[in-house]
Amino acid sequence: MRALIRVKRVYDAYEEEDGIRILVDRLWPRGLRKEEARIDYWMKDIAPSSELRKWFSHDKNKWEEFKRRYFEELRNKGEKISFIKELSKTSNVTLLYSSKERIYNNAMALKEYLDSIK
């Protein structure tokens, strides 16, 4: 089996195929108790900066510019990127986010970034 990096909303049901579950939001999801979340790691430092998150505000018209700015931030987080890439060599990794927006969110952008590097 080849390990995968997946993206999933943190409020969606846990599945065995999720593998290692990493919350990639800076803020804890509203209304979710820690014991319900089944999160292995909370990597708030890999989330977009507060300024970028607020600027983007899940506006799909800003998506390409958001990704460009976020990827620039991610270039300074090599240790965290390497950590996720290493985990994904031996297990599925699911990047979790809390936004209601299922396409234009930081976890989807992060997955795209991870998939683009060796």
PDB file of N, CA and C in Angstrom:
ATOM      1  N   MET A   1       0.828  -1.187   0.000  1.00  0.00           N
ATOM      2  CA  MET A   1       0.000   0.000   0.000  1.00  0.00           C
ATOM      3  C   MET A   1       0.874   1.253   0.000  1.00  0.00           C
ATOM      4  N   ARG A   2       0.556   2.174  -0.879  1.00  0.00           N
ATOM      5  CA  ARG A   2       1.267   3.438  -0.937  1.00  0.00           C
ATOM      6  C   ARG A   2       0.540   4.446  -0.052  1.00  0.00           C
ATOM      7  N   ALA A   3       1.279   5.081   0.829  1.00  0.00           N
ATOM      8  CA  ALA A   3       0.669   6.064   1.737  1.00  0.00           C
ATOM      9  C   ALA A   3       0.234   7.298   0.957  1.00  0.00           C
ATOM     10  N   LEU A   4      -0.823   7.906   1.412  1.00  0.00           N
ATOM     11  CA  LEU A   4      -1.397   9.073   0.760  1.00  0.00           C
ATOM     12  C   LEU A   4      -1.492  10.242   1.727  1.00  0.00           C
ATOM     13  N   ILE A   5      -1.490  11.438   1.160  1.00  0.00           N
ATOM     14  CA  ILE A   5      -1.835  12.626   1.933  1.00  0.00           C
ATOM     15  C   ILE A   5      -3.230  13.016   1.486  1.00  0.00           C
ATOM     16  N   ARG A   6      -4.119  13.071   2.447  1.00  0.00           N
ATOM     17  CA  ARG A   6      -5.519  13.386   2.174  1.00  0.00           C
ATOM     18  C   ARG A   6      -5.906  14.661   2.907  1.00  0.00           C
ATOM     19  N   VAL A   7      -7.056  15.197   2.555  1.00  0.00           N
ATOM     20  CA  VAL A   7      -7.594  16.387   3.209  1.00  0.00           C
ATOM     21  C   VAL A   7      -9.024  16.082   3.618  1.00  0.00           C
ATOM     22  N   LYS A   8      -9.376  16.527   4.820  1.00  0.00           N
ATOM     23  CA  LYS A   8     -10.699  16.209   5.340  1.00  0.00           C
ATOM     24  C   LYS A   8     -11.123  17.282   6.341  1.00  0.00           C
ATOM     25  N   ARG A   9     -12.391  17.527   6.399  1.00  0.00           N
ATOM     26  CA  ARG A   9     -12.919  18.467   7.394  1.00  0.00           C
ATOM     27  C   ARG A   9     -12.870  17.791   8.765  1.00  0.00           C
ATOM     28  N   VAL A  10     -12.408  18.486   9.765  1.00  0.00           N
ATOM     29  CA  VAL A  10     -12.223  17.914  11.099  1.00  0.00           C
ATOM     30  C   VAL A  10     -13.538  17.416  11.699  1.00  0.00           C
ATOM     31  N   TYR A  11     -14.652  17.967  11.262  1.00  0.00           N
ATOM     32  CA  TYR A  11     -15.957  17.558  11.777  1.00  0.00           C
ATOM     33  C   TYR A  11     -16.480  16.285  11.109  1.00  0.00           C
ATOM     34  N   ASP A  12     -15.864  15.863  10.005  1.00  0.00           N
ATOM     35  CA  ASP A  12     -16.270  14.625   9.343  1.00  0.00           C
ATOM     36  C   ASP A  12     -15.855  13.419  10.189  1.00  0.00           C
ATOM     37  N   ALA A  13     -16.561  12.331  10.031  1.00  0.00           N
ATOM     38  CA  ALA A  13     -16.323  11.134  10.839  1.00  0.00           C
ATOM     39  C   ALA A  13     -14.914  10.567  10.621  1.00  0.00           C
ATOM     40  N   TYR A  14     -14.339  10.080  11.692  1.00  0.00           N
ATOM     41  CA  TYR A  14     -13.049   9.391  11.639  1.00  0.00           C
ATOM     42  C   TYR A  14     -13.199   8.116  10.824  1.00  0.00           C
ATOM     43  N   GLU A  15     -12.186   7.819  10.022  1.00  0.00           N
ATOM     44  CA  GLU A  15     -12.128   6.569   9.264  1.00  0.00           C
ATOM     45  C   GLU A  15     -10.752   5.958   9.465  1.00  0.00           C
ATOM     46  N   GLU A  16     -10.693   4.655   9.475  1.00  0.00           N
ATOM     47  CA  GLU A  16      -9.419   3.944   9.647  1.00  0.00           C
ATOM     48  C   GLU A  16      -8.382   4.395   8.603  1.00  0.00           C
ATOM     49  N   GLU A  17      -8.848   4.654   7.366  1.00  0.00           N
ATOM     50  CA  GLU A  17      -7.939   5.052   6.284  1.00  0.00           C
ATOM     51  C   GLU A  17      -7.327   6.435   6.498  1.00  0.00           C
ATOM     52  N   ASP A  18      -7.833   7.193   7.482  1.00  0.00           N
ATOM     53  CA  ASP A  18      -7.278   8.525   7.755  1.00  0.00           C
ATOM     54  C   ASP A  18      -5.802   8.441   8.126  1.00  0.00           C
ATOM     55  N   GLY A  19      -5.409   7.364   8.763  1.00  0.00           N
ATOM     56  CA  GLY A  19      -4.022   7.253   9.200  1.00  0.00           C
ATOM     57  C   GLY A  19      -3.723   8.290  10.269  1.00  0.00           C
ATOM     58  N   ILE A  20      -2.631   9.009  10.096  1.00  0.00           N
ATOM     59  CA  ILE A  20      -2.228  10.041  11.048  1.00  0.00           C
ATOM     60  C   ILE A  20      -3.007  11.309  10.733  1.00  0.00           C
ATOM     61  N   ARG A  21      -3.707  11.811  11.743  1.00  0.00           N
ATOM     62  CA  ARG A  21      -4.573  12.988  11.552  1.00  0.00           C
ATOM     63  C   ARG A  21      -3.895  14.227  12.124  1.00  0.00           C
ATOM     64  N   ILE A  22      -3.723  15.231  11.241  1.00  0.00           N
ATOM     65  CA  ILE A  22      -3.024  16.459  11.624  1.00  0.00           C
ATOM     66  C   ILE A  22      -3.949  17.655  11.405  1.00  0.00           C
ATOM     67  N   LEU A  23      -4.276  18.346  12.484  1.00  0.00           N
ATOM     68  CA  LEU A  23      -5.042  19.581  12.375  1.00  0.00           C
ATOM     69  C   LEU A  23      -4.080  20.676  11.931  1.00  0.00           C
ATOM     70  N   VAL A  24      -4.405  21.349  10.816  1.00  0.00           N
ATOM     71  CA  VAL A  24      -3.502  22.360  10.259  1.00  0.00           C
ATOM     72  C   VAL A  24      -4.116  23.759  10.326  1.00  0.00           C
ATOM     73  N   ASP A  25      -4.978  23.990  11.287  1.00  0.00           N
ATOM     74  CA  ASP A  25      -5.574  25.306  11.537  1.00  0.00           C
ATOM     75  C   ASP A  25      -4.888  25.963  12.726  1.00  0.00           C
ATOM     76  N   ARG A  26      -4.801  27.277  12.688  1.00  0.00           N
ATOM     77  CA  ARG A  26      -4.197  28.031  13.791  1.00  0.00           C
ATOM     78  C   ARG A  26      -5.120  28.054  15.005  1.00  0.00           C
ATOM     79  N   LEU A  27      -6.438  28.046  14.750  1.00  0.00           N
ATOM     80  CA  LEU A  27      -7.418  28.109  15.835  1.00  0.00           C
ATOM     81  C   LEU A  27      -8.087  26.749  16.028  1.00  0.00           C
ATOM     82  N   TRP A  28      -8.411  26.415  17.272  1.00  0.00           N
ATOM     83  CA  TRP A  28      -9.103  25.156  17.555  1.00  0.00           C
ATOM     84  C   TRP A  28     -10.526  25.240  16.982  1.00  0.00           C
ATOM     85  N   PRO A  29     -11.018  24.169  16.366  1.00  0.00           N
ATOM     86  CA  PRO A  29     -12.366  24.179  15.767  1.00  0.00           C
ATOM     87  C   PRO A  29     -13.465  24.424  16.798  1.00  0.00           C
ATOM     88  N   ARG A  30     -14.378  25.289  16.444  1.00  0.00           N
ATOM     89  CA  ARG A  30     -15.492  25.634  17.337  1.00  0.00           C
ATOM     90  C   ARG A  30     -16.347  24.412  17.633  1.00  0.00           C
ATOM     91  N   GLY A  31     -16.723  24.279  18.910  1.00  0.00           N
ATOM     92  CA  GLY A  31     -17.670  23.253  19.311  1.00  0.00           C
ATOM     93  C   GLY A  31     -17.142  21.834  19.305  1.00  0.00           C
ATOM     94  N   LEU A  32     -15.857  21.647  19.089  1.00  0.00           N
ATOM     95  CA  LEU A  32     -15.285  20.301  19.028  1.00  0.00           C
ATOM     96  C   LEU A  32     -14.431  20.052  20.266  1.00  0.00           C
ATOM     97  N   ARG A  33     -14.793  19.019  21.009  1.00  0.00           N
ATOM     98  CA  ARG A  33     -13.993  18.665  22.185  1.00  0.00           C
ATOM     99  C   ARG A  33     -12.761  17.887  21.731  1.00  0.00           C
ATOM    100  N   LYS A  34     -11.667  18.091  22.429  1.00  0.00           N
ATOM    101  CA  LYS A  34     -10.402  17.457  22.038  1.00  0.00           C
ATOM    102  C   LYS A  34     -10.516  15.938  21.947  1.00  0.00           C
ATOM    103  N   GLU A  35     -11.250  15.332  22.878  1.00  0.00           N
ATOM    104  CA  GLU A  35     -11.354  13.867  22.867  1.00  0.00           C
ATOM    105  C   GLU A  35     -12.205  13.351  21.695  1.00  0.00           C
ATOM    106  N   GLU A  36     -13.064  14.188  21.143  1.00  0.00           N
ATOM    107  CA  GLU A  36     -13.871  13.788  19.986  1.00  0.00           C
ATOM    108  C   GLU A  36     -13.098  13.905  18.679  1.00  0.00           C
ATOM    109  N   ALA A  37     -12.102  14.748  18.656  1.00  0.00           N
ATOM    110  CA  ALA A  37     -11.431  15.115  17.413  1.00  0.00           C
ATOM    111  C   ALA A  37     -10.543  14.019  16.827  1.00  0.00           C
ATOM    112  N   ARG A  38     -10.008  13.157  17.676  1.00  0.00           N
ATOM    113  CA  ARG A  38      -9.094  12.095  17.221  1.00  0.00           C
ATOM    114  C   ARG A  38      -7.964  12.666  16.376  1.00  0.00           C
ATOM    115  N   ILE A  39      -7.285  13.644  16.954  1.00  0.00           N
ATOM    116  CA  ILE A  39      -6.178  14.323  16.284  1.00  0.00           C
ATOM    117  C   ILE A  39      -4.868  13.827  16.869  1.00  0.00           C
ATOM    118  N   ASP A  40      -3.945  13.460  15.977  1.00  0.00           N
ATOM    119  CA  ASP A  40      -2.631  13.009  16.418  1.00  0.00           C
ATOM    120  C   ASP A  40      -1.675  14.183  16.644  1.00  0.00           C
ATOM    121  N   TYR A  41      -1.766  15.191  15.783  1.00  0.00           N
ATOM    122  CA  TYR A  41      -0.911  16.374  15.900  1.00  0.00           C
ATOM    123  C   TYR A  41      -1.739  17.616  15.575  1.00  0.00           C
ATOM    124  N   TRP A  42      -1.485  18.668  16.318  1.00  0.00           N
ATOM    125  CA  TRP A  42      -2.070  19.968  15.998  1.00  0.00           C
ATOM    126  C   TRP A  42      -0.902  20.863  15.608  1.00  0.00           C
ATOM    127  N   MET A  43      -0.759  21.091  14.306  1.00  0.00           N
ATOM    128  CA  MET A  43       0.358  21.875  13.786  1.00  0.00           C
ATOM    129  C   MET A  43      -0.126  23.284  13.443  1.00  0.00           C
ATOM    130  N   LYS A  44      -0.424  24.059  14.478  1.00  0.00           N
ATOM    131  CA  LYS A  44      -0.947  25.409  14.229  1.00  0.00           C
ATOM    132  C   LYS A  44       0.078  26.312  13.565  1.00  0.00           C
ATOM    133  N   ASP A  45       1.380  26.020  13.750  1.00  0.00           N
ATOM    134  CA  ASP A  45       2.417  26.860  13.161  1.00  0.00           C
ATOM    135  C   ASP A  45       2.551  26.685  11.653  1.00  0.00           C
ATOM    136  N   ILE A  46       1.925  25.647  11.096  1.00  0.00           N
ATOM    137  CA  ILE A  46       1.991  25.455   9.645  1.00  0.00           C
ATOM    138  C   ILE A  46       0.810  26.131   8.949  1.00  0.00           C
ATOM    139  N   ALA A  47      -0.143  26.593   9.729  1.00  0.00           N
ATOM    140  CA  ALA A  47      -1.300  27.307   9.176  1.00  0.00           C
ATOM    141  C   ALA A  47      -0.854  28.671   8.635  1.00  0.00           C
ATOM    142  N   PRO A  48      -1.652  29.249   7.750  1.00  0.00           N
ATOM    143  CA  PRO A  48      -1.311  30.596   7.265  1.00  0.00           C
ATOM    144  C   PRO A  48      -1.270  31.590   8.433  1.00  0.00           C
ATOM    145  N   SER A  49      -0.484  32.621   8.270  1.00  0.00           N
ATOM    146  CA  SER A  49      -0.435  33.665   9.295  1.00  0.00           C
ATOM    147  C   SER A  49      -1.838  34.235   9.494  1.00  0.00           C
ATOM    148  N   SER A  50      -2.076  34.784  10.667  1.00  0.00           N
ATOM    149  CA  SER A  50      -3.389  35.382  10.954  1.00  0.00           C
ATOM    150  C   SER A  50      -3.735  36.461   9.939  1.00  0.00           C
ATOM    151  N   GLU A  51      -2.745  37.254   9.560  1.00  0.00           N
ATOM    152  CA  GLU A  51      -2.975  38.324   8.589  1.00  0.00           C
ATOM    153  C   GLU A  51      -3.429  37.743   7.258  1.00  0.00           C
ATOM    154  N   LEU A  52      -2.750  36.695   6.789  1.00  0.00           N
ATOM    155  CA  LEU A  52      -3.108  36.079   5.502  1.00  0.00           C
ATOM    156  C   LEU A  52      -4.475  35.414   5.583  1.00  0.00           C
ATOM    157  N   ARG A  53      -4.733  34.729   6.666  1.00  0.00           N
ATOM    158  CA  ARG A  53      -6.032  34.058   6.838  1.00  0.00           C
ATOM    159  C   ARG A  53      -7.172  35.072   6.793  1.00  0.00           C
ATOM    160  N   LYS A  54      -7.001  36.174   7.504  1.00  0.00           N
ATOM    161  CA  LYS A  54      -8.054  37.196   7.531  1.00  0.00           C
ATOM    162  C   LYS A  54      -8.217  37.860   6.163  1.00  0.00           C
ATOM    163  N   TRP A  55      -7.100  38.127   5.486  1.00  0.00           N
ATOM    164  CA  TRP A  55      -7.169  38.732   4.153  1.00  0.00           C
ATOM    165  C   TRP A  55      -7.916  37.823   3.185  1.00  0.00           C
ATOM    166  N   PHE A  56      -7.598  36.541   3.201  1.00  0.00           N
ATOM    167  CA  PHE A  56      -8.197  35.586   2.270  1.00  0.00           C
ATOM    168  C   PHE A  56      -9.690  35.392   2.526  1.00  0.00           C
ATOM    169  N   SER A  57     -10.049  35.129   3.747  1.00  0.00           N
ATOM    170  CA  SER A  57     -11.438  34.960   4.157  1.00  0.00           C
ATOM    171  C   SER A  57     -12.225  34.012   3.247  1.00  0.00           C
ATOM    172  N   HIS A  58     -11.557  32.972   2.748  1.00  0.00           N
ATOM    173  CA  HIS A  58     -12.164  31.931   1.897  1.00  0.00           C
ATOM    174  C   HIS A  58     -12.858  32.500   0.657  1.00  0.00           C
ATOM    175  N   ASP A  59     -12.308  33.591   0.140  1.00  0.00           N
ATOM    176  CA  ASP A  59     -12.827  34.210  -1.083  1.00  0.00           C
ATOM    177  C   ASP A  59     -12.173  33.522  -2.276  1.00  0.00           C
ATOM    178  N   LYS A  60     -12.964  32.762  -3.034  1.00  0.00           N
ATOM    179  CA  LYS A  60     -12.388  31.984  -4.137  1.00  0.00           C
ATOM    180  C   LYS A  60     -11.732  32.874  -5.194  1.00  0.00           C
ATOM    181  N   ASN A  61     -12.129  34.139  -5.265  1.00  0.00           N
ATOM    182  CA  ASN A  61     -11.505  35.061  -6.211  1.00  0.00           C
ATOM    183  C   ASN A  61     -10.073  35.419  -5.798  1.00  0.00           C
ATOM    184  N   LYS A  62      -9.730  35.171  -4.534  1.00  0.00           N
ATOM    185  CA  LYS A  62      -8.380  35.447  -4.033  1.00  0.00           C
ATOM    186  C   LYS A  62      -7.535  34.168  -3.946  1.00  0.00           C
ATOM    187  N   TRP A  63      -8.087  33.036  -4.390  1.00  0.00           N
ATOM    188  CA  TRP A  63      -7.464  31.722  -4.196  1.00  0.00           C
ATOM    189  C   TRP A  63      -6.035  31.654  -4.720  1.00  0.00           C
ATOM    190  N   GLU A  64      -5.802  32.040  -5.957  1.00  0.00           N
ATOM    191  CA  GLU A  64      -4.452  31.923  -6.537  1.00  0.00           C
ATOM    192  C   GLU A  64      -3.456  32.806  -5.797  1.00  0.00           C
ATOM    193  N   GLU A  65      -3.856  34.015  -5.452  1.00  0.00           N
ATOM    194  CA  GLU A  65      -2.962  34.906  -4.710  1.00  0.00           C
ATOM    195  C   GLU A  65      -2.753  34.395  -3.287  1.00  0.00           C
ATOM    196  N   PHE A  66      -3.805  33.857  -2.684  1.00  0.00           N
ATOM    197  CA  PHE A  66      -3.664  33.256  -1.356  1.00  0.00           C
ATOM    198  C   PHE A  66      -2.625  32.144  -1.396  1.00  0.00           C
ATOM    199  N   LYS A  67      -2.734  31.233  -2.366  1.00  0.00           N
ATOM    200  CA  LYS A  67      -1.774  30.128  -2.454  1.00  0.00           C
ATOM    201  C   LYS A  67      -0.355  30.645  -2.650  1.00  0.00           C
ATOM    202  N   ARG A  68      -0.192  31.635  -3.506  1.00  0.00           N
ATOM    203  CA  ARG A  68       1.147  32.183  -3.729  1.00  0.00           C
ATOM    204  C   ARG A  68       1.738  32.709  -2.422  1.00  0.00           C
ATOM    205  N   ARG A  69       0.947  33.483  -1.685  1.00  0.00           N
ATOM    206  CA  ARG A  69       1.431  34.046  -0.412  1.00  0.00           C
ATOM    207  C   ARG A  69       1.648  32.953   0.640  1.00  0.00           C
ATOM    208  N   TYR A  70       0.751  31.990   0.694  1.00  0.00           N
ATOM    209  CA  TYR A  70       0.876  30.900   1.676  1.00  0.00           C
ATOM    210  C   TYR A  70       2.089  30.032   1.358  1.00  0.00           C
ATOM    211  N   PHE A  71       2.302  29.713   0.082  1.00  0.00           N
ATOM    212  CA  PHE A  71       3.475  28.919  -0.295  1.00  0.00           C
ATOM    213  C   PHE A  71       4.759  29.645   0.095  1.00  0.00           C
ATOM    214  N   GLU A  72       4.750  30.955  -0.011  1.00  0.00           N
ATOM    215  CA  GLU A  72       5.910  31.742   0.414  1.00  0.00           C
ATOM    216  C   GLU A  72       6.144  31.559   1.919  1.00  0.00           C
ATOM    217  N   GLU A  73       5.077  31.589   2.707  1.00  0.00           N
ATOM    218  CA  GLU A  73       5.202  31.342   4.150  1.00  0.00           C
ATOM    219  C   GLU A  73       5.702  29.920   4.417  1.00  0.00           C
ATOM    220  N   LEU A  74       5.215  28.967   3.652  1.00  0.00           N
ATOM    221  CA  LEU A  74       5.597  27.566   3.872  1.00  0.00           C
ATOM    222  C   LEU A  74       7.070  27.319   3.574  1.00  0.00           C
ATOM    223  N   ARG A  75       7.655  28.103   2.703  1.00  0.00           N
ATOM    224  CA  ARG A  75       9.084  27.933   2.381  1.00  0.00           C
ATOM    225  C   ARG A  75       9.966  28.145   3.609  1.00  0.00           C
ATOM    226  N   ASN A  76       9.439  28.836   4.617  1.00  0.00           N
ATOM    227  CA  ASN A  76      10.182  29.078   5.858  1.00  0.00           C
ATOM    228  C   ASN A  76       9.847  28.056   6.943  1.00  0.00           C
ATOM    229  N   LYS A  77       9.129  27.020   6.584  1.00  0.00           N
ATOM    230  CA  LYS A  77       8.697  26.016   7.566  1.00  0.00           C
ATOM    231  C   LYS A  77       9.190  24.622   7.158  1.00  0.00           C
ATOM    232  N   GLY A  78      10.425  24.573   6.693  1.00  0.00           N
ATOM    233  CA  GLY A  78      10.997  23.336   6.168  1.00  0.00           C
ATOM    234  C   GLY A  78      10.932  22.156   7.118  1.00  0.00           C
ATOM    235  N   GLU A  79      11.189  22.400   8.398  1.00  0.00           N
ATOM    236  CA  GLU A  79      11.184  21.313   9.377  1.00  0.00           C
ATOM    237  C   GLU A  79       9.790  20.692   9.500  1.00  0.00           C
ATOM    238  N   LYS A  80       8.767  21.522   9.506  1.00  0.00           N
ATOM    239  CA  LYS A  80       7.391  21.026   9.627  1.00  0.00           C
ATOM    240  C   LYS A  80       6.949  20.310   8.347  1.00  0.00           C
ATOM    241  N   ILE A  81       7.351  20.856   7.207  1.00  0.00           N
ATOM    242  CA  ILE A  81       7.042  20.213   5.922  1.00  0.00           C
ATOM    243  C   ILE A  81       7.717  18.846   5.862  1.00  0.00           C
ATOM    244  N   SER A  82       8.975  18.778   6.253  1.00  0.00           N
ATOM    245  CA  SER A  82       9.711  17.504   6.255  1.00  0.00           C
ATOM    246  C   SER A  82       9.054  16.497   7.189  1.00  0.00           C
ATOM    247  N   PHE A  83       8.572  16.959   8.322  1.00  0.00           N
ATOM    248  CA  PHE A  83       7.910  16.081   9.282  1.00  0.00           C
ATOM    249  C   PHE A  83       6.691  15.408   8.641  1.00  0.00           C
ATOM    250  N   ILE A  84       5.852  16.194   7.976  1.00  0.00           N
ATOM    251  CA  ILE A  84       4.664  15.634   7.327  1.00  0.00           C
ATOM    252  C   ILE A  84       5.067  14.687   6.199  1.00  0.00           C
ATOM    253  N   LYS A  85       6.045  15.075   5.409  1.00  0.00           N
ATOM    254  CA  LYS A  85       6.496  14.227   4.298  1.00  0.00           C
ATOM    255  C   LYS A  85       7.033  12.893   4.829  1.00  0.00           C
ATOM    256  N   GLU A  86       7.779  12.925   5.930  1.00  0.00           N
ATOM    257  CA  GLU A  86       8.306  11.692   6.526  1.00  0.00           C
ATOM    258  C   GLU A  86       7.170  10.793   7.008  1.00  0.00           C
ATOM    259  N   LEU A  87       6.183  11.376   7.696  1.00  0.00           N
ATOM    260  CA  LEU A  87       5.038  10.587   8.157  1.00  0.00           C
ATOM    261  C   LEU A  87       4.335   9.915   6.985  1.00  0.00           C
ATOM    262  N   SER A  88       4.235  10.627   5.877  1.00  0.00           N
ATOM    263  CA  SER A  88       3.492  10.112   4.727  1.00  0.00           C
ATOM    264  C   SER A  88       4.225   8.992   3.992  1.00  0.00           C
ATOM    265  N   LYS A  89       5.465   8.741   4.343  1.00  0.00           N
ATOM    266  CA  LYS A  89       6.200   7.634   3.712  1.00  0.00           C
ATOM    267  C   LYS A  89       5.753   6.282   4.247  1.00  0.00           C
ATOM    268  N   THR A  90       5.211   6.274   5.462  1.00  0.00           N
ATOM    269  CA  THR A  90       4.860   4.993   6.087  1.00  0.00           C
ATOM    270  C   THR A  90       3.394   4.861   6.471  1.00  0.00           C
ATOM    271  N   SER A  91       2.636   5.955   6.347  1.00  0.00           N
ATOM    272  CA  SER A  91       1.235   5.930   6.759  1.00  0.00           C
ATOM    273  C   SER A  91       0.457   6.967   5.963  1.00  0.00           C
ATOM    274  N   ASN A  92      -0.830   6.719   5.794  1.00  0.00           N
ATOM    275  CA  ASN A  92      -1.675   7.784   5.271  1.00  0.00           C
ATOM    276  C   ASN A  92      -1.625   8.938   6.249  1.00  0.00           C
ATOM    277  N   VAL A  93      -1.698  10.147   5.717  1.00  0.00           N
ATOM    278  CA  VAL A  93      -1.749  11.358   6.532  1.00  0.00           C
ATOM    279  C   VAL A  93      -2.975  12.137   6.085  1.00  0.00           C
ATOM    280  N   THR A  94      -3.790  12.543   7.042  1.00  0.00           N
ATOM    281  CA  THR A  94      -4.971  13.346   6.726  1.00  0.00           C
ATOM    282  C   THR A  94      -4.803  14.727   7.347  1.00  0.00           C
ATOM    283  N   LEU A  95      -4.793  15.732   6.478  1.00  0.00           N
ATOM    284  CA  LEU A  95      -4.718  17.119   6.916  1.00  0.00           C
ATOM    285  C   LEU A  95      -6.139  17.577   7.231  1.00  0.00           C
ATOM    286  N   LEU A  96      -6.342  18.019   8.447  1.00  0.00           N
ATOM    287  CA  LEU A  96      -7.679  18.394   8.907  1.00  0.00           C
ATOM    288  C   LEU A  96      -7.826  19.909   8.995  1.00  0.00           C
ATOM    289  N   TYR A  97      -8.996  20.393   8.596  1.00  0.00           N
ATOM    290  CA  TYR A  97      -9.315  21.817   8.650  1.00  0.00           C
ATOM    291  C   TYR A  97     -10.739  21.968   9.167  1.00  0.00           C
ATOM    292  N   SER A  98     -11.108  23.157   9.611  1.00  0.00           N
ATOM    293  CA  SER A  98     -12.443  23.340  10.178  1.00  0.00           C
ATOM    294  C   SER A  98     -13.380  24.185   9.312  1.00  0.00           C
ATOM    295  N   SER A  99     -12.873  24.839   8.311  1.00  0.00           N
ATOM    296  CA  SER A  99     -13.696  25.708   7.472  1.00  0.00           C
ATOM    297  C   SER A  99     -14.868  24.959   6.844  1.00  0.00           C
ATOM    298  N   LYS A 100     -15.975  25.662   6.629  1.00  0.00           N
ATOM    299  CA  LYS A 100     -17.099  25.079   5.892  1.00  0.00           C
ATOM    300  C   LYS A 100     -16.765  24.996   4.411  1.00  0.00           C
ATOM    301  N   GLU A 101     -15.802  25.791   3.971  1.00  0.00           N
ATOM    302  CA  GLU A 101     -15.370  25.806   2.574  1.00  0.00           C
ATOM    303  C   GLU A 101     -14.506  24.582   2.304  1.00  0.00           C
ATOM    304  N   ARG A 102     -14.975  23.679   1.463  1.00  0.00           N
ATOM    305  CA  ARG A 102     -14.292  22.403   1.256  1.00  0.00           C
ATOM    306  C   ARG A 102     -13.230  22.431   0.156  1.00  0.00           C
ATOM    307  N   ILE A 103     -13.205  23.463  -0.665  1.00  0.00           N
ATOM    308  CA  ILE A 103     -12.224  23.525  -1.748  1.00  0.00           C
ATOM    309  C   ILE A 103     -11.178  24.604  -1.495  1.00  0.00           C
ATOM    310  N   TYR A 104     -11.627  25.801  -1.168  1.00  0.00           N
ATOM    311  CA  TYR A 104     -10.724  26.938  -1.010  1.00  0.00           C
ATOM    312  C   TYR A 104     -10.372  27.114   0.461  1.00  0.00           C
ATOM    313  N   ASN A 105      -9.461  26.254   0.948  1.00  0.00           N
ATOM    314  CA  ASN A 105      -9.043  26.336   2.353  1.00  0.00           C
ATOM    315  C   ASN A 105      -7.558  26.028   2.458  1.00  0.00           C
ATOM    316  N   ASN A 106      -6.977  26.346   3.600  1.00  0.00           N
ATOM    317  CA  ASN A 106      -5.532  26.198   3.768  1.00  0.00           C
ATOM    318  C   ASN A 106      -5.055  24.745   3.692  1.00  0.00           C
ATOM    319  N   ALA A 107      -5.870  23.793   4.109  1.00  0.00           N
ATOM    320  CA  ALA A 107      -5.448  22.382   4.045  1.00  0.00           C
ATOM    321  C   ALA A 107      -5.307  21.931   2.595  1.00  0.00           C
ATOM    322  N   MET A 108      -6.223  22.352   1.730  1.00  0.00           N
ATOM    323  CA  MET A 108      -6.121  22.006   0.311  1.00  0.00           C
ATOM    324  C   MET A 108      -4.871  22.644  -0.299  1.00  0.00           C
ATOM    325  N   ALA A 109      -4.605  23.892   0.075  1.00  0.00           N
ATOM    326  CA  ALA A 109      -3.405  24.570  -0.424  1.00  0.00           C
ATOM    327  C   ALA A 109      -2.147  23.869   0.090  1.00  0.00           C
ATOM    328  N   LEU A 110      -2.143  23.487   1.358  1.00  0.00           N
ATOM    329  CA  LEU A 110      -0.998  22.791   1.938  1.00  0.00           C
ATOM    330  C   LEU A 110      -0.751  21.464   1.233  1.00  0.00           C
ATOM    331  N   LYS A 111      -1.813  20.712   0.955  1.00  0.00           N
ATOM    332  CA  LYS A 111      -1.653  19.448   0.228  1.00  0.00           C
ATOM    333  C   LYS A 111      -1.038  19.696  -1.144  1.00  0.00           C
ATOM    334  N   GLU A 112      -1.516  20.724  -1.831  1.00  0.00           N
ATOM    335  CA  GLU A 112      -0.949  21.061  -3.152  1.00  0.00           C
ATOM    336  C   GLU A 112       0.538  21.362  -3.019  1.00  0.00           C
ATOM    337  N   TYR A 113       0.900  22.112  -1.994  1.00  0.00           N
ATOM    338  CA  TYR A 113       2.313  22.437  -1.765  1.00  0.00           C
ATOM    339  C   TYR A 113       3.122  21.164  -1.491  1.00  0.00           C
ATOM    340  N   LEU A 114       2.616  20.314  -0.609  1.00  0.00           N
ATOM    341  CA  LEU A 114       3.317  19.064  -0.275  1.00  0.00           C
ATOM    342  C   LEU A 114       3.485  18.174  -1.512  1.00  0.00           C
ATOM    343  N   ASP A 115       2.453  18.116  -2.328  1.00  0.00           N
ATOM    344  CA  ASP A 115       2.508  17.284  -3.543  1.00  0.00           C
ATOM    345  C   ASP A 115       3.493  17.838  -4.564  1.00  0.00           C
ATOM    346  N   SER A 116       3.789  19.130  -4.480  1.00  0.00           N
ATOM    347  CA  SER A 116       4.667  19.758  -5.469  1.00  0.00           C
ATOM    348  C   SER A 116       6.152  19.605  -5.155  1.00  0.00           C
ATOM    349  N   ILE A 117       6.465  19.169  -3.937  1.00  0.00           N
ATOM    350  CA  ILE A 117       7.880  19.029  -3.564  1.00  0.00           C
ATOM    351  C   ILE A 117       8.246  17.556  -3.453  1.00  0.00           C
ATOM    352  N   LYS A 118       9.487  17.273  -3.670  1.00  0.00           N
ATOM    353  CA  LYS A 118       9.978  15.885  -3.625  1.00  0.00           C
ATOM    354  C   LYS A 118      10.191  15.420  -2.204  1.00  0.00           C
TER     355      LYS A 118
END
